[in-house]
PDB file of N, CA and C in Angstrom:
ATOM      1  N   UNK A   1       0.775  -1.381   0.002  1.00  0.00           N
ATOM      2  CA  UNK A   1      -0.060  -0.053  -0.187  1.00  0.00           C
ATOM      3  C   UNK A   1       0.846   1.031   0.040  1.00  0.00           C
ATOM      4  N   UNK A   2       0.423   2.227  -0.771  1.00  0.00           N
ATOM      5  CA  UNK A   2       0.987   3.904  -0.977  1.00  0.00           C
ATOM      6  C   UNK A   2       0.521   4.842  -0.243  1.00  0.00           C
ATOM      7  N   UNK A   3       0.695   5.690   0.395  1.00  0.00           N
ATOM      8  CA  UNK A   3      -0.331   6.561   0.548  1.00  0.00           C
ATOM      9  C   UNK A   3       0.714   7.699   0.506  1.00  0.00           C
ATOM     10  N   UNK A   4      -0.141   8.884  -0.219  1.00  0.00           N
ATOM     11  CA  UNK A   4       0.657  10.337  -0.899  1.00  0.00           C
ATOM     12  C   UNK A   4       0.144  11.434  -0.201  1.00  0.00           C
ATOM     13  N   UNK A   5       0.905  12.011   0.186  1.00  0.00           N
ATOM     14  CA  UNK A   5       0.634  13.546   1.335  1.00  0.00           C
ATOM     15  C   UNK A   5       0.706  14.361   0.572  1.00  0.00           C
ATOM     16  N   UNK A   6       0.267  15.319   0.015  1.00  0.00           N
ATOM     17  CA  UNK A   6       0.727  16.520  -0.521  1.00  0.00           C
ATOM     18  C   UNK A   6       0.692  17.719   0.320  1.00  0.00           C
ATOM     19  N   UNK A   7       2.064  18.112   0.712  1.00  0.00           N
ATOM     20  CA  UNK A   7       2.149  19.312   1.493  1.00  0.00           C
ATOM     21  C   UNK A   7       1.257  20.635   1.086  1.00  0.00           C
ATOM     22  N   UNK A   8       0.584  21.191   2.056  1.00  0.00           N
ATOM     23  CA  UNK A   8      -0.025  22.538   1.888  1.00  0.00           C
ATOM     24  C   UNK A   8       0.583  23.530   2.988  1.00  0.00           C
ATOM     25  N   UNK A   9       0.521  25.009   2.252  1.00  0.00           N
ATOM     26  CA  UNK A   9       0.939  25.932   3.292  1.00  0.00           C
ATOM     27  C   UNK A   9       0.450  26.113   4.667  1.00  0.00           C
ATOM     28  N   UNK A  10      -0.679  25.513   4.929  1.00  0.00           N
ATOM     29  CA  UNK A  10      -1.072  25.208   6.158  1.00  0.00           C
ATOM     30  C   UNK A  10      -0.769  24.072   7.165  1.00  0.00           C
ATOM     31  N   UNK A  11      -0.063  23.088   6.406  1.00  0.00           N
ATOM     32  CA  UNK A  11       0.356  21.858   7.470  1.00  0.00           C
ATOM     33  C   UNK A  11       1.711  22.502   8.162  1.00  0.00           C
ATOM     34  N   UNK A  12       1.665  21.747   9.724  1.00  0.00           N
ATOM     35  CA  UNK A  12       2.526  21.941  10.450  1.00  0.00           C
ATOM     36  C   UNK A  12       3.344  20.675  10.347  1.00  0.00           C
ATOM     37  N   UNK A  13       4.690  20.848  10.959  1.00  0.00           N
ATOM     38  CA  UNK A  13       5.755  19.744  10.809  1.00  0.00           C
ATOM     39  C   UNK A  13       4.849  18.814  11.790  1.00  0.00           C
ATOM     40  N   UNK A  14       4.390  19.216  13.066  1.00  0.00           N
ATOM     41  CA  UNK A  14       3.609  18.155  13.915  1.00  0.00           C
ATOM     42  C   UNK A  14       2.832  17.311  13.240  1.00  0.00           C
ATOM     43  N   UNK A  15       1.919  18.216  12.298  1.00  0.00           N
ATOM     44  CA  UNK A  15       0.771  17.414  11.843  1.00  0.00           C
ATOM     45  C   UNK A  15       1.346  16.210  10.675  1.00  0.00           C
ATOM     46  N   UNK A  16       2.236  16.529  10.103  1.00  0.00           N
ATOM     47  CA  UNK A  16       2.815  15.633   8.870  1.00  0.00           C
ATOM     48  C   UNK A  16       3.460  14.496   9.736  1.00  0.00           C
ATOM     49  N   UNK A  17       4.049  14.554  10.768  1.00  0.00           N
ATOM     50  CA  UNK A  17       5.011  13.791  11.477  1.00  0.00           C
ATOM     51  C   UNK A  17       3.743  12.837  12.134  1.00  0.00           C
ATOM     52  N   UNK A  18       2.959  13.333  12.592  1.00  0.00           N
ATOM     53  CA  UNK A  18       1.810  12.710  13.180  1.00  0.00           C
ATOM     54  C   UNK A  18       1.077  11.534  12.021  1.00  0.00           C
ATOM     55  N   UNK A  19       0.701  12.054  10.793  1.00  0.00           N
ATOM     56  CA  UNK A  19       0.250  11.348   9.657  1.00  0.00           C
ATOM     57  C   UNK A  19       1.250  10.246   9.373  1.00  0.00           C
ATOM     58  N   UNK A  20       2.515  10.524   9.444  1.00  0.00           N
ATOM     59  CA  UNK A  20       3.542   9.492   8.918  1.00  0.00           C
ATOM     60  C   UNK A  20       3.638   8.287   9.621  1.00  0.00           C
ATOM     61  N   UNK A  21       3.446   8.955  10.828  1.00  0.00           N
ATOM     62  CA  UNK A  21       3.479   7.659  11.942  1.00  0.00           C
ATOM     63  C   UNK A  21       2.081   6.861  12.133  1.00  0.00           C
ATOM     64  N   UNK A  22       0.872   7.755  11.445  1.00  0.00           N
ATOM     65  CA  UNK A  22      -0.285   7.062  11.467  1.00  0.00           C
ATOM     66  C   UNK A  22      -0.071   5.392  10.422  1.00  0.00           C
ATOM     67  N   UNK A  23       0.178   6.633   9.362  1.00  0.00           N
ATOM     68  CA  UNK A  23       0.078   5.402   8.138  1.00  0.00           C
ATOM     69  C   UNK A  23       0.778   4.463   8.292  1.00  0.00           C
ATOM     70  N   UNK A  24       2.207   4.227   8.826  1.00  0.00           N
ATOM     71  CA  UNK A  24       3.340   3.283   9.195  1.00  0.00           C
ATOM     72  C   UNK A  24       2.645   2.494  10.247  1.00  0.00           C
ATOM     73  N   UNK A  25       1.940   3.176  11.350  1.00  0.00           N
ATOM     74  CA  UNK A  25       1.371   2.165  12.106  1.00  0.00           C
ATOM     75  C   UNK A  25       0.393   1.076  11.865  1.00  0.00           C
ATOM     76  N   UNK A  26      -0.370   1.906  10.335  1.00  0.00           N
ATOM     77  CA  UNK A  26      -1.680   1.175  10.245  1.00  0.00           C
ATOM     78  C   UNK A  26      -1.028   0.088   8.951  1.00  0.00           C
ATOM     79  N   UNK A  27       0.501  -0.122   8.742  1.00  0.00           N
ATOM     80  CA  UNK A  27       0.673  -0.950   8.254  1.00  0.00           C
ATOM     81  C   UNK A  27       1.121  -0.320   6.717  1.00  0.00           C
ATOM     82  N   UNK A  28       1.220   0.807   6.244  1.00  0.00           N
ATOM     83  CA  UNK A  28       1.057   1.072   4.984  1.00  0.00           C
ATOM     84  C   UNK A  28       2.851   0.835   4.699  1.00  0.00           C
ATOM     85  N   UNK A  29       3.070   0.461   3.287  1.00  0.00           N
ATOM     86  CA  UNK A  29       4.298  -0.038   3.186  1.00  0.00           C
ATOM     87  C   UNK A  29       5.079   1.375   2.960  1.00  0.00           C
ATOM     88  N   UNK A  30       4.831   2.340   2.195  1.00  0.00           N
ATOM     89  CA  UNK A  30       5.272   3.471   1.517  1.00  0.00           C
ATOM     90  C   UNK A  30       4.529   4.785   1.805  1.00  0.00           C
ATOM     91  N   UNK A  31       5.363   5.537   2.451  1.00  0.00           N
ATOM     92  CA  UNK A  31       4.498   7.209   2.651  1.00  0.00           C
ATOM     93  C   UNK A  31       5.195   7.787   1.744  1.00  0.00           C
ATOM     94  N   UNK A  32       4.583   8.459   0.641  1.00  0.00           N
ATOM     95  CA  UNK A  32       5.410   9.648   0.162  1.00  0.00           C
ATOM     96  C   UNK A  32       5.012  11.105   0.961  1.00  0.00           C
ATOM     97  N   UNK A  33       5.568  12.105   0.724  1.00  0.00           N
ATOM     98  CA  UNK A  33       5.426  13.358   1.756  1.00  0.00           C
ATOM     99  C   UNK A  33       5.751  14.360   0.333  1.00  0.00           C
ATOM    100  N   UNK A  34       4.664  15.153  -0.361  1.00  0.00           N
ATOM    101  CA  UNK A  34       4.892  15.509  -1.675  1.00  0.00           C
ATOM    102  C   UNK A  34       5.198  17.029  -1.391  1.00  0.00           C
ATOM    103  N   UNK A  35       6.367  17.676  -1.880  1.00  0.00           N
ATOM    104  CA  UNK A  35       6.529  19.195  -1.321  1.00  0.00           C
ATOM    105  C   UNK A  35       6.507  19.618  -2.892  1.00  0.00           C
ATOM    106  N   UNK A  36       5.352  20.168  -3.321  1.00  0.00           N
ATOM    107  CA  UNK A  36       4.754  20.630  -4.706  1.00  0.00           C
ATOM    108  C   UNK A  36       6.009  21.839  -5.200  1.00  0.00           C
ATOM    109  N   UNK A  37       6.092  22.807  -3.990  1.00  0.00           N
ATOM    110  CA  UNK A  37       6.655  23.877  -3.824  1.00  0.00           C
ATOM    111  C   UNK A  37       7.949  24.115  -4.257  1.00  0.00           C
ATOM    112  N   UNK A  38       8.745  23.078  -3.499  1.00  0.00           N
ATOM    113  CA  UNK A  38      10.080  22.614  -3.648  1.00  0.00           C
ATOM    114  C   UNK A  38      10.552  21.229  -4.883  1.00  0.00           C
ATOM    115  N   UNK A  39       9.614  20.874  -4.899  1.00  0.00           N
ATOM    116  CA  UNK A  39       9.655  19.964  -5.849  1.00  0.00           C
ATOM    117  C   UNK A  39      10.730  18.572  -5.464  1.00  0.00           C
ATOM    118  N   UNK A  40      10.037  18.425  -4.082  1.00  0.00           N
ATOM    119  CA  UNK A  40      10.588  17.292  -3.558  1.00  0.00           C
ATOM    120  C   UNK A  40       9.674  16.068  -3.180  1.00  0.00           C
ATOM    121  N   UNK A  41      10.091  14.782  -2.776  1.00  0.00           N
ATOM    122  CA  UNK A  41       9.410  14.111  -2.118  1.00  0.00           C
ATOM    123  C   UNK A  41      10.039  13.226  -0.996  1.00  0.00           C
ATOM    124  N   UNK A  42       9.989  13.084  -0.143  1.00  0.00           N
ATOM    125  CA  UNK A  42      10.236  12.262   0.943  1.00  0.00           C
ATOM    126  C   UNK A  42       9.495  11.094   1.163  1.00  0.00           C
ATOM    127  N   UNK A  43      10.259  10.134   1.420  1.00  0.00           N
ATOM    128  CA  UNK A  43       9.616   8.741   1.186  1.00  0.00           C
ATOM    129  C   UNK A  43       9.983   7.812   2.482  1.00  0.00           C
ATOM    130  N   UNK A  44       9.248   7.300   3.119  1.00  0.00           N
ATOM    131  CA  UNK A  44       9.269   6.737   4.501  1.00  0.00           C
ATOM    132  C   UNK A  44       8.743   5.451   4.341  1.00  0.00           C
ATOM    133  N   UNK A  45       9.443   4.787   5.258  1.00  0.00           N
ATOM    134  CA  UNK A  45       9.070   3.176   5.134  1.00  0.00           C
ATOM    135  C   UNK A  45       9.586   2.585   6.357  1.00  0.00           C
ATOM    136  N   UNK A  46       8.305   1.979   7.162  1.00  0.00           N
ATOM    137  CA  UNK A  46       8.607   1.159   8.384  1.00  0.00           C
ATOM    138  C   UNK A  46      10.144   1.154   8.764  1.00  0.00           C
ATOM    139  N   UNK A  47      10.895   1.355   9.728  1.00  0.00           N
ATOM    140  CA  UNK A  47      12.339   0.652  10.108  1.00  0.00           C
ATOM    141  C   UNK A  47      13.240   1.199   9.394  1.00  0.00           C
ATOM    142  N   UNK A  48      13.009   2.278   8.461  1.00  0.00           N
ATOM    143  CA  UNK A  48      13.993   2.671   7.571  1.00  0.00           C
ATOM    144  C   UNK A  48      14.160   4.042   7.851  1.00  0.00           C
ATOM    145  N   UNK A  49      15.308   4.780   7.410  1.00  0.00           N
ATOM    146  CA  UNK A  49      15.509   6.141   7.010  1.00  0.00           C
ATOM    147  C   UNK A  49      14.612   6.719   6.137  1.00  0.00           C
ATOM    148  N   UNK A  50      14.440   8.132   5.952  1.00  0.00           N
ATOM    149  CA  UNK A  50      13.352   8.198   4.867  1.00  0.00           C
ATOM    150  C   UNK A  50      14.560   8.967   3.706  1.00  0.00           C
ATOM    151  N   UNK A  51      14.088   8.441   2.816  1.00  0.00           N
ATOM    152  CA  UNK A  51      14.571   8.922   1.413  1.00  0.00           C
ATOM    153  C   UNK A  51      14.018  10.054   0.953  1.00  0.00           C
ATOM    154  N   UNK A  52      15.291  10.864   0.178  1.00  0.00           N
ATOM    155  CA  UNK A  52      14.542  12.312  -0.369  1.00  0.00           C
ATOM    156  C   UNK A  52      14.974  12.051  -1.597  1.00  0.00           C
ATOM    157  N   UNK A  53      13.629  12.394  -2.704  1.00  0.00           N
ATOM    158  CA  UNK A  53      14.238  12.344  -4.085  1.00  0.00           C
ATOM    159  C   UNK A  53      13.681  14.064  -4.612  1.00  0.00           C
ATOM    160  N   UNK A  54      14.458  14.400  -5.766  1.00  0.00           N
ATOM    161  CA  UNK A  54      13.915  15.980  -6.223  1.00  0.00           C
ATOM    162  C   UNK A  54      13.942  15.741  -7.110  1.00  0.00           C
ATOM    163  N   UNK A  55      13.391  16.974  -7.820  1.00  0.00           N
ATOM    164  CA  UNK A  55      13.108  16.985  -9.328  1.00  0.00           C
ATOM    165  C   UNK A  55      13.928  16.370 -10.287  1.00  0.00           C
ATOM    166  N   UNK A  56      15.179  16.395 -10.040  1.00  0.00           N
ATOM    167  CA  UNK A  56      16.074  16.112 -10.859  1.00  0.00           C
ATOM    168  C   UNK A  56      16.311  14.309 -11.223  1.00  0.00           C
ATOM    169  N   UNK A  57      15.590  13.384 -10.159  1.00  0.00           N
ATOM    170  CA  UNK A  57      15.690  11.974  -9.903  1.00  0.00           C
ATOM    171  C   UNK A  57      14.808  11.169 -10.382  1.00  0.00           C
ATOM    172  N   UNK A  58      14.658  10.168 -10.046  1.00  0.00           N
ATOM    173  CA  UNK A  58      13.284   9.246 -10.613  1.00  0.00           C
ATOM    174  C   UNK A  58      13.041   8.704  -9.341  1.00  0.00           C
ATOM    175  N   UNK A  59      11.735   8.596  -9.513  1.00  0.00           N
ATOM    176  CA  UNK A  59      10.849   8.276  -8.387  1.00  0.00           C
ATOM    177  C   UNK A  59      10.431   7.077  -8.494  1.00  0.00           C
ATOM    178  N   UNK A  60      10.485   6.151  -7.622  1.00  0.00           N
ATOM    179  CA  UNK A  60       9.929   4.819  -7.753  1.00  0.00           C
ATOM    180  C   UNK A  60       9.209   4.317  -6.720  1.00  0.00           C
ATOM    181  N   UNK A  61       8.632   3.122  -6.694  1.00  0.00           N
ATOM    182  CA  UNK A  61       7.436   2.613  -5.647  1.00  0.00           C
ATOM    183  C   UNK A  61       8.243   1.192  -5.187  1.00  0.00           C
ATOM    184  N   UNK A  62       9.389   0.757  -5.781  1.00  0.00           N
ATOM    185  CA  UNK A  62       9.533  -0.322  -5.874  1.00  0.00           C
ATOM    186  C   UNK A  62       9.758  -0.713  -4.039  1.00  0.00           C
ATOM    187  N   UNK A  63       9.529  -1.912  -3.830  1.00  0.00           N
ATOM    188  CA  UNK A  63       9.023  -3.136  -4.374  1.00  0.00           C
ATOM    189  C   UNK A  63       7.489  -2.829  -4.508  1.00  0.00           C
ATOM    190  N   UNK A  64       6.864  -2.261  -3.805  1.00  0.00           N
ATOM    191  CA  UNK A  64       5.269  -2.515  -3.790  1.00  0.00           C
ATOM    192  C   UNK A  64       4.572  -2.058  -4.980  1.00  0.00           C
ATOM    193  N   UNK A  65       5.132  -1.343  -5.881  1.00  0.00           N
ATOM    194  CA  UNK A  65       4.828  -0.957  -7.288  1.00  0.00           C
ATOM    195  C   UNK A  65       5.509  -1.613  -8.220  1.00  0.00           C
ATOM    196  N   UNK A  66       5.341  -2.585  -8.606  1.00  0.00           N
ATOM    197  CA  UNK A  66       7.043  -3.200  -9.507  1.00  0.00           C
ATOM    198  C   UNK A  66       6.608  -2.608 -11.156  1.00  0.00           C
ATOM    199  N   UNK A  67       8.032  -1.921 -11.391  1.00  0.00           N
ATOM    200  CA  UNK A  67       7.902  -1.418 -12.210  1.00  0.00           C
ATOM    201  C   UNK A  67       7.563   0.103 -12.569  1.00  0.00           C
ATOM    202  N   UNK A  68       6.772   0.702 -11.354  1.00  0.00           N
ATOM    203  CA  UNK A  68       6.537   2.058 -11.502  1.00  0.00           C
ATOM    204  C   UNK A  68       8.015   3.221 -11.253  1.00  0.00           C
ATOM    205  N   UNK A  69       8.007   3.790 -12.402  1.00  0.00           N
ATOM    206  CA  UNK A  69       9.255   4.440 -12.240  1.00  0.00           C
ATOM    207  C   UNK A  69       8.453   5.741 -13.156  1.00  0.00           C
ATOM    208  N   UNK A  70       8.890   7.062 -12.636  1.00  0.00           N
ATOM    209  CA  UNK A  70       8.668   8.284 -13.082  1.00  0.00           C
ATOM    210  C   UNK A  70       9.453   9.088 -13.178  1.00  0.00           C
ATOM    211  N   UNK A  71      10.262  10.250 -13.965  1.00  0.00           N
ATOM    212  CA  UNK A  71      11.194  11.045 -13.634  1.00  0.00           C
ATOM    213  C   UNK A  71      10.396  12.241 -12.845  1.00  0.00           C
ATOM    214  N   UNK A  72      11.031  12.600 -11.749  1.00  0.00           N
ATOM    215  CA  UNK A  72      10.763  13.929 -11.001  1.00  0.00           C
ATOM    216  C   UNK A  72       9.996  14.657 -11.628  1.00  0.00           C
ATOM    217  N   UNK A  73      10.612  15.644 -12.931  1.00  0.00           N
ATOM    218  CA  UNK A  73      10.033  16.566 -13.493  1.00  0.00           C
ATOM    219  C   UNK A  73       8.893  16.076 -14.408  1.00  0.00           C
ATOM    220  N   UNK A  74       8.830  14.832 -14.737  1.00  0.00           N
ATOM    221  CA  UNK A  74       7.340  14.614 -15.144  1.00  0.00           C
ATOM    222  C   UNK A  74       6.484  14.407 -14.117  1.00  0.00           C
ATOM    223  N   UNK A  75       6.631  13.543 -12.772  1.00  0.00           N
ATOM    224  CA  UNK A  75       5.784  13.972 -11.632  1.00  0.00           C
ATOM    225  C   UNK A  75       5.103  15.208 -11.307  1.00  0.00           C
ATOM    226  N   UNK A  76       6.098  16.212 -11.169  1.00  0.00           N
ATOM    227  CA  UNK A  76       5.651  17.492 -10.622  1.00  0.00           C
ATOM    228  C   UNK A  76       4.939  18.121 -11.542  1.00  0.00           C
ATOM    229  N   UNK A  77       5.531  17.957 -13.017  1.00  0.00           N
ATOM    230  CA  UNK A  77       4.542  18.752 -14.027  1.00  0.00           C
ATOM    231  C   UNK A  77       3.537  17.907 -14.122  1.00  0.00           C
ATOM    232  N   UNK A  78       3.043  17.037 -13.662  1.00  0.00           N
ATOM    233  CA  UNK A  78       1.247  16.699 -13.914  1.00  0.00           C
ATOM    234  C   UNK A  78       0.679  16.942 -12.486  1.00  0.00           C
ATOM    235  N   UNK A  79       1.583  17.471 -11.329  1.00  0.00           N
ATOM    236  CA  UNK A  79       0.555  17.893 -10.315  1.00  0.00           C
ATOM    237  C   UNK A  79      -0.203  19.192 -10.305  1.00  0.00           C
ATOM    238  N   UNK A  80       0.608  20.061 -11.206  1.00  0.00           N
ATOM    239  CA  UNK A  80       0.200  21.182 -11.415  1.00  0.00           C
ATOM    240  C   UNK A  80      -1.468  21.380 -11.963  1.00  0.00           C
TER     241      UNK A  80
END
């Protein structure tokens, strides 16, 4: 399972941290926190350090979504 949160200007860091913890505690395998303004995605997995992807990198959801790959530039272009 994959959860995607797109940050808004009203989100606080405490709220985001709580959502991440809730998703992971519920068994969600991947949590993506998308910052459209900075064009970054922070990827969270239970028991692992967060992974940071920017617009110049490739975004994947391996192994949860095998074969899913998208260039960061293309991903953020579709958010607009």
